[in-house]
Protein backbone atom coordinates (compact mmCIF):
# COMPACT_ATOMS: atom_id res chain seq x y z
CA MET A 1 0.00 0.00 0.00
CA THR A 2 1.41 3.38 -0.97
CA ALA A 3 0.09 6.83 -0.08
CA THR A 4 0.79 10.21 -1.60
CA GLU A 5 -0.15 13.72 -0.45
CA VAL A 6 -1.33 16.09 -3.17
CA PRO A 7 -1.14 19.83 -2.40
CA LEU A 8 -4.40 21.71 -2.75
CA ALA A 9 -5.17 25.38 -2.39
CA VAL A 10 -8.42 25.64 -0.45
CA THR A 11 -10.50 28.74 -0.92
CA THR A 12 -13.48 27.73 1.21
CA ALA A 13 -13.69 27.60 4.98
CA HIS A 14 -14.99 24.03 4.99
CA VAL A 15 -15.11 21.18 2.50
CA SER A 16 -16.93 17.89 2.87
CA PRO A 17 -14.54 15.09 3.81
CA SER A 18 -14.95 12.88 0.73
CA ALA A 19 -13.41 9.95 -1.11
CA VAL A 20 -13.43 8.64 -4.66
CA VAL A 21 -12.43 5.00 -5.12
CA TRP A 22 -11.66 2.89 -8.16
CA ILE A 23 -11.48 -0.83 -7.42
CA ASN A 24 -11.15 -4.15 -9.20
CA GLY A 25 -10.33 -7.63 -7.92
CA ARG A 26 -6.58 -6.99 -7.82
CA ARG A 27 -6.09 -3.40 -6.72
CA ALA A 28 -7.80 -0.23 -5.60
CA THR A 29 -6.95 3.45 -5.76
CA VAL A 30 -8.45 5.77 -3.16
CA ALA A 31 -8.35 9.57 -3.40
CA ALA A 32 -9.50 11.13 -0.13
CA MET A 33 -10.01 14.71 1.05
CA GLY A 34 -10.05 15.79 4.67
CA ALA A 35 -12.10 18.62 6.21
CA GLU A 36 -9.13 20.99 5.76
CA GLY A 37 -9.03 20.30 2.02
CA ASN A 38 -5.88 18.15 1.99
CA ILE A 39 -5.93 15.34 -0.58
CA SER A 40 -4.14 12.03 -0.27
CA THR A 41 -4.12 9.02 -2.56
CA CYS A 42 -3.48 5.42 -1.71
CA GLU A 43 -2.87 2.38 -3.93
CA ILE A 44 -3.92 -0.93 -2.38
CA GLU A 45 -2.77 -4.24 -3.87
CA ARG A 46 -4.85 -7.29 -2.95
CA GLY A 47 -1.93 -9.69 -3.13
CA ALA A 48 -2.72 -12.83 -1.12
CA LEU A 49 -5.52 -11.22 0.93
CA SER A 50 -8.92 -12.86 0.96
CA GLU A 51 -11.64 -10.79 -0.72
CA LEU A 52 -13.14 -9.83 2.66
CA ASP A 53 -9.77 -8.72 4.07
CA TYR A 54 -9.01 -6.79 0.87
CA LEU A 55 -12.36 -4.97 0.97
CA ALA A 56 -12.00 -4.22 4.68
CA GLN A 57 -8.57 -2.71 4.05
CA VAL A 58 -10.00 -0.47 1.31
CA VAL A 59 -12.84 0.62 3.63
CA ARG A 60 -10.30 1.50 6.35
CA VAL A 61 -8.48 3.73 3.86
CA ILE A 62 -11.76 5.37 2.76
CA ASP A 63 -12.53 6.04 6.43
CA ASP A 64 -15.76 7.56 7.73
CA ARG A 65 -16.12 10.27 5.05
CA GLU A 66 -19.27 12.32 4.45
CA ARG A 67 -19.38 11.54 0.73
CA VAL A 68 -18.04 8.49 -1.10
CA VAL A 69 -17.99 7.60 -4.81
CA ILE A 70 -17.13 4.01 -5.77
CA LEU A 71 -16.11 3.16 -9.34
CA GLY A 72 -15.15 -0.15 -10.93
CA PRO A 73 -16.47 -3.47 -12.25
CA SER A 74 -19.90 -4.33 -10.88
CA SER A 75 -19.25 -7.35 -8.64
CA VAL A 76 -16.27 -5.87 -6.77
CA ARG A 77 -17.88 -2.42 -6.65
CA LEU A 78 -21.04 -3.86 -5.10
CA ALA A 79 -19.01 -5.92 -2.61
CA LEU A 80 -17.10 -2.78 -1.53
CA GLU A 81 -20.34 -0.84 -1.15
CA ARG A 82 -21.74 -3.59 1.09
CA GLU A 83 -18.54 -3.76 3.16
CA TYR A 84 -18.55 0.04 3.64
CA VAL A 85 -22.17 -0.05 4.84
CA ALA A 86 -21.48 -3.07 7.10
CA ILE A 87 -18.60 -1.25 8.80
CA TYR A 88 -19.92 2.33 9.02
CA ARG A 89 -23.69 1.75 8.82
CA ARG A 90 -24.05 4.86 6.63
CA PRO A 91 -25.46 3.95 3.18
CA ASP A 92 -26.52 7.59 2.79
CA ARG A 93 -22.85 8.56 2.37
CA LEU A 94 -22.52 6.56 -0.85
CA VAL A 95 -23.42 9.35 -3.25
CA ASP A 96 -22.49 7.57 -6.46
CA VAL A 97 -21.67 3.97 -7.24
CA GLU A 98 -21.12 3.28 -10.92
CA PRO A 99 -19.38 0.96 -13.35
CA ALA A 100 -16.15 2.24 -14.84
CA GLY A 101 -13.07 1.03 -16.59
CA GLU A 102 -9.76 1.81 -14.95
CA VAL A 103 -9.54 5.45 -13.87
CA ALA A 104 -6.24 7.32 -13.64
CA ARG A 105 -5.14 8.73 -10.28
CA GLU A 106 -5.32 12.31 -11.64
CA ASP A 107 -8.92 11.75 -12.81
CA LEU A 108 -9.89 10.44 -9.37
CA ILE A 109 -8.40 13.57 -7.79
CA GLU A 110 -10.31 15.83 -10.19
CA ARG A 111 -13.55 14.00 -9.49
CA LEU A 112 -12.83 14.28 -5.76
CA ARG A 113 -12.37 18.05 -6.00
CA THR A 114 -15.73 18.33 -7.78
CA LEU A 115 -17.44 16.07 -5.20
CA ALA A 116 -16.09 17.98 -2.20
CA ALA A 117 -16.87 21.45 -3.56
C-alpha cells in the first residue's frame, strides 16, 4: 500500500470530507479529502488477501467520510459498497456507485475536488 499527499489550495472555509475510489479484484486506488481540504491518494494491492480482508482494508483507507464515490467493475464495486455499509452503517454517504473502466489517479483527484466542492 502506498500513499501520496497532493497539495491543494483551499479557498473555502470548509469542504466535505470525501473519497473517490476505483477498485477491481486486484487493486484499488483511493483519493481522499479531509475537512481541511488536503488530498491524499493510496494504492492498495490485494496480493494474497482474501476478498473480505481486501475490501475491509479499502474501507479502512476510505474512512468515515461524508461523501463516497465508488467506481469499478460491478461485482467488486457492489461488494465494496456492502462492506462500507457493514462497517460504518451509513449507506446515505454513498453518493455515487457506478461501473467504470480503470480510472487514472489524476482523474480520481479531479472527481474528488468536484465532489467535495
